[in-house]
Amino acid sequence: MKRIMLGALSLGLLAGCSSPHYVVAPGLMTQQEGTVVVQRDNGNYLSGVSFRRLHTPIDETALRSCLVTPAQTGTASARNSVPFTFHDIVISEDLDTNQAQGSVSTELGVLTYRLELQLIQDTNYYYFDQLQLASNGQEQAAVGAWEDADPKTVHDALEQVTDTLQNCFARLAAPAPAQ
């Protein structure tokens, strides 16, 4: 009986030490495309989010225009758009791998990120990492992956940025070579 009580007490203490920050939000890994979660000392966090879209043949001028235009207007043109900007844009000579630092306004605050955009064969691959969120004038912090941190809002905002860029690429797409 003494062992059972000691075991129950130990289990109760361990359960009291667990943090909800280690429990990934329901559906985040299974329903949210390309979500990367890492575990840190104080919980699970969003490390990156990726999206794949159909390849759109564009030239450097179109690529630069799609990345710079939101920075000039401050908002995306898509329905249900979110304000976003890019800066420190690096476009590779062959247009295969391109990077930009960006920020987007969300219901949670301002999310900053690095976008790596790969335009390869049949896919436009968007990878967002270095995710940091600042809300209510607070310092930037990593984006939590637990339910109360609302990582779905961050995922959805990045997907809107992706879709807005993809729509811009489609509008400015280079004509297909004649067969």
Protein backbone atom coordinates (compact mmCIF):
# COMPACT_ATOMS: atom_id res chain seq x y z
CA MET A 1 0.00 0.00 0.00
CA LYS A 2 2.88 2.29 0.84
CA ARG A 3 4.37 1.77 -2.66
CA ILE A 4 1.07 2.57 -4.34
CA MET A 5 0.70 5.80 -2.37
CA LEU A 6 4.32 6.79 -3.13
CA GLY A 7 3.80 6.02 -6.82
CA ALA A 8 0.57 8.03 -6.94
CA LEU A 9 2.22 10.95 -5.16
CA SER A 10 5.18 10.89 -7.59
CA LEU A 11 2.87 10.75 -10.59
CA GLY A 12 0.84 13.65 -9.21
CA LEU A 13 3.96 15.75 -8.76
CA LEU A 14 5.16 14.98 -12.27
CA ALA A 15 1.78 15.84 -13.75
CA GLY A 16 1.83 19.15 -11.89
CA CYS A 17 5.19 19.98 -13.47
CA SER A 18 4.09 19.41 -17.05
CA SER A 19 3.42 22.52 -19.07
CA PRO A 20 0.69 23.02 -21.67
CA HIS A 21 3.43 24.70 -23.75
CA TYR A 22 4.72 21.23 -24.64
CA VAL A 23 1.38 20.15 -26.10
CA VAL A 24 1.20 21.10 -29.78
CA ALA A 25 -2.08 22.74 -30.81
CA PRO A 26 -4.60 20.19 -32.12
CA GLY A 27 -4.43 19.86 -35.90
CA LEU A 28 -1.29 21.98 -36.27
CA MET A 29 0.87 19.14 -37.53
CA THR A 30 -1.83 17.19 -39.39
CA GLN A 31 -4.02 19.93 -40.88
CA GLN A 32 -1.55 22.76 -41.47
CA GLU A 33 0.60 22.24 -44.54
CA GLY A 34 4.38 22.28 -44.06
CA THR A 35 4.49 23.19 -40.37
CA VAL A 36 7.82 22.65 -38.57
CA VAL A 37 7.73 22.56 -34.75
CA VAL A 38 10.81 22.47 -32.50
CA GLN A 39 10.99 21.76 -28.80
CA ARG A 40 12.88 24.18 -26.59
CA ASP A 41 13.47 24.30 -22.84
CA ASN A 42 10.19 26.07 -22.20
CA GLY A 43 7.86 24.55 -24.80
CA ASN A 44 7.19 23.80 -28.45
CA TYR A 45 7.55 26.57 -31.01
CA LEU A 46 6.92 27.14 -34.70
CA SER A 47 10.28 26.97 -36.44
CA GLY A 48 9.06 27.27 -40.01
CA VAL A 49 6.12 27.00 -42.36
CA SER A 50 6.30 25.98 -46.01
CA PHE A 51 3.90 26.06 -48.93
CA ARG A 52 4.11 24.64 -52.44
CA ARG A 53 2.35 26.19 -55.41
CA LEU A 54 2.47 25.52 -59.15
CA HIS A 55 5.58 26.86 -60.84
CA THR A 56 5.06 30.21 -62.53
CA PRO A 57 7.72 31.25 -65.06
CA ILE A 58 8.70 34.83 -64.20
CA ASP A 59 11.68 37.03 -64.87
CA GLU A 60 13.71 39.06 -62.38
CA THR A 61 11.71 42.23 -63.00
CA ALA A 62 8.43 40.48 -62.21
CA LEU A 63 9.89 38.77 -59.16
CA ARG A 64 11.29 42.02 -57.80
CA SER A 65 8.02 43.82 -58.57
CA CYS A 66 5.96 41.27 -56.63
CA LEU A 67 8.32 41.45 -53.64
CA VAL A 68 8.69 45.24 -53.63
CA THR A 69 5.12 46.34 -54.42
CA PRO A 70 3.67 45.18 -51.09
CA ALA A 71 6.45 47.14 -49.36
CA GLN A 72 5.37 50.28 -51.21
CA THR A 73 1.64 49.90 -50.64
CA GLY A 74 1.81 48.27 -47.21
CA THR A 75 -1.05 45.89 -47.96
CA ALA A 76 -1.70 42.81 -49.98
CA SER A 77 -4.24 43.09 -52.77
CA ALA A 78 -5.95 39.75 -52.16
CA ARG A 79 -9.41 39.43 -50.68
CA ASN A 80 -9.13 39.18 -46.87
CA SER A 81 -5.62 40.53 -47.23
CA VAL A 82 -3.19 41.15 -44.43
CA PRO A 83 -0.74 44.07 -44.41
CA PHE A 84 2.77 42.83 -45.18
CA THR A 85 6.12 44.15 -46.38
CA PHE A 86 9.51 42.84 -47.53
CA HIS A 87 13.00 44.28 -47.21
CA ASP A 88 16.59 43.01 -47.62
CA ILE A 89 15.57 41.23 -50.82
CA VAL A 90 18.23 38.96 -52.34
CA ILE A 91 17.47 37.55 -55.80
CA SER A 92 19.77 34.86 -57.17
CA GLU A 93 21.17 35.20 -60.67
CA ASP A 94 19.27 32.16 -61.92
CA LEU A 95 16.12 33.08 -59.91
CA ASP A 96 16.12 29.60 -58.33
CA THR A 97 16.64 30.60 -54.69
CA ASN A 98 15.64 34.03 -53.40
CA GLN A 99 15.36 35.50 -49.91
CA ALA A 100 13.65 38.41 -48.25
CA GLN A 101 13.05 39.57 -44.71
CA GLY A 102 9.42 40.40 -44.14
CA SER A 103 6.71 41.29 -41.70
CA VAL A 104 2.96 40.80 -41.64
CA SER A 105 0.29 42.16 -39.34
CA THR A 106 -1.87 39.52 -37.67
CA GLU A 107 -4.56 39.50 -34.99
CA LEU A 108 -1.78 38.49 -32.58
CA GLY A 109 0.60 41.33 -33.46
CA VAL A 110 3.36 41.88 -36.01
CA LEU A 111 5.05 38.72 -37.24
CA THR A 112 8.55 39.01 -38.70
CA TYR A 113 10.11 36.26 -40.78
CA ARG A 114 12.60 35.31 -43.46
CA LEU A 115 11.12 34.04 -46.72
CA GLU A 116 13.14 31.68 -48.87
CA LEU A 117 11.47 31.39 -52.25
CA GLN A 118 12.59 28.68 -54.63
CA LEU A 119 11.30 28.72 -58.19
CA ILE A 120 12.16 25.22 -59.33
CA GLN A 121 10.92 23.07 -62.23
CA ASP A 122 7.23 22.54 -61.50
CA THR A 123 7.02 24.15 -58.05
CA ASN A 124 7.19 27.52 -56.37
CA TYR A 125 8.38 26.63 -52.88
CA TYR A 126 7.81 29.21 -50.12
CA TYR A 127 9.61 28.61 -46.82
CA PHE A 128 9.11 31.00 -43.91
CA ASP A 129 11.46 30.74 -40.92
CA GLN A 130 13.02 32.96 -38.23
CA LEU A 131 9.46 33.54 -37.02
CA GLN A 132 9.14 36.21 -34.32
CA LEU A 133 5.97 37.81 -32.98
CA ALA A 134 5.60 41.18 -31.23
CA SER A 135 2.28 42.23 -29.75
CA ASN A 136 1.12 45.24 -27.77
CA GLY A 137 4.52 46.94 -27.90
CA GLN A 138 6.29 43.94 -26.37
CA GLU A 139 9.64 42.62 -27.57
CA GLN A 140 9.64 40.02 -30.31
CA ALA A 141 9.38 36.43 -29.16
CA ALA A 142 9.30 33.00 -30.76
CA VAL A 143 5.88 31.81 -31.94
CA GLY A 144 4.42 29.21 -29.61
CA ALA A 145 2.96 26.01 -31.06
CA TRP A 146 0.57 25.35 -28.18
CA GLU A 147 -3.14 26.02 -28.54
CA ASP A 148 -3.30 29.23 -26.44
CA ALA A 149 -0.51 30.77 -28.57
CA ASP A 150 -2.82 30.41 -31.62
CA PRO A 151 -0.24 29.21 -34.17
CA LYS A 152 -3.01 28.72 -36.76
CA THR A 153 -3.36 32.51 -37.04
CA VAL A 154 0.35 32.76 -37.89
CA HIS A 155 0.07 29.89 -40.39
CA ASP A 156 -2.96 31.48 -42.06
CA ALA A 157 -1.26 34.89 -42.34
CA LEU A 158 1.78 33.31 -44.01
CA GLU A 159 -0.48 31.41 -46.37
CA GLN A 160 -2.14 34.70 -47.36
CA VAL A 161 1.29 36.20 -48.08
CA THR A 162 2.09 33.12 -50.19
CA ASP A 163 -1.16 33.33 -52.14
CA THR A 164 -0.78 37.06 -52.75
CA LEU A 165 2.74 36.57 -54.11
CA GLN A 166 1.62 33.60 -56.21
CA ASN A 167 -1.24 35.67 -57.68
CA CYS A 168 1.21 38.48 -58.49
CA PHE A 169 3.53 35.99 -60.22
CA ALA A 170 0.61 34.66 -62.28
CA ARG A 171 -0.34 38.20 -63.35
CA LEU A 172 3.21 39.00 -64.44
CA ALA A 173 4.17 35.53 -65.73
CA ALA A 174 6.50 35.31 -68.69
CA PRO A 175 4.78 33.91 -71.77
CA ALA A 176 5.37 30.20 -72.33
CA PRO A 177 7.93 29.39 -75.04
CA ALA A 178 6.39 28.55 -78.44
CA GLN A 179 6.21 24.85 -79.22
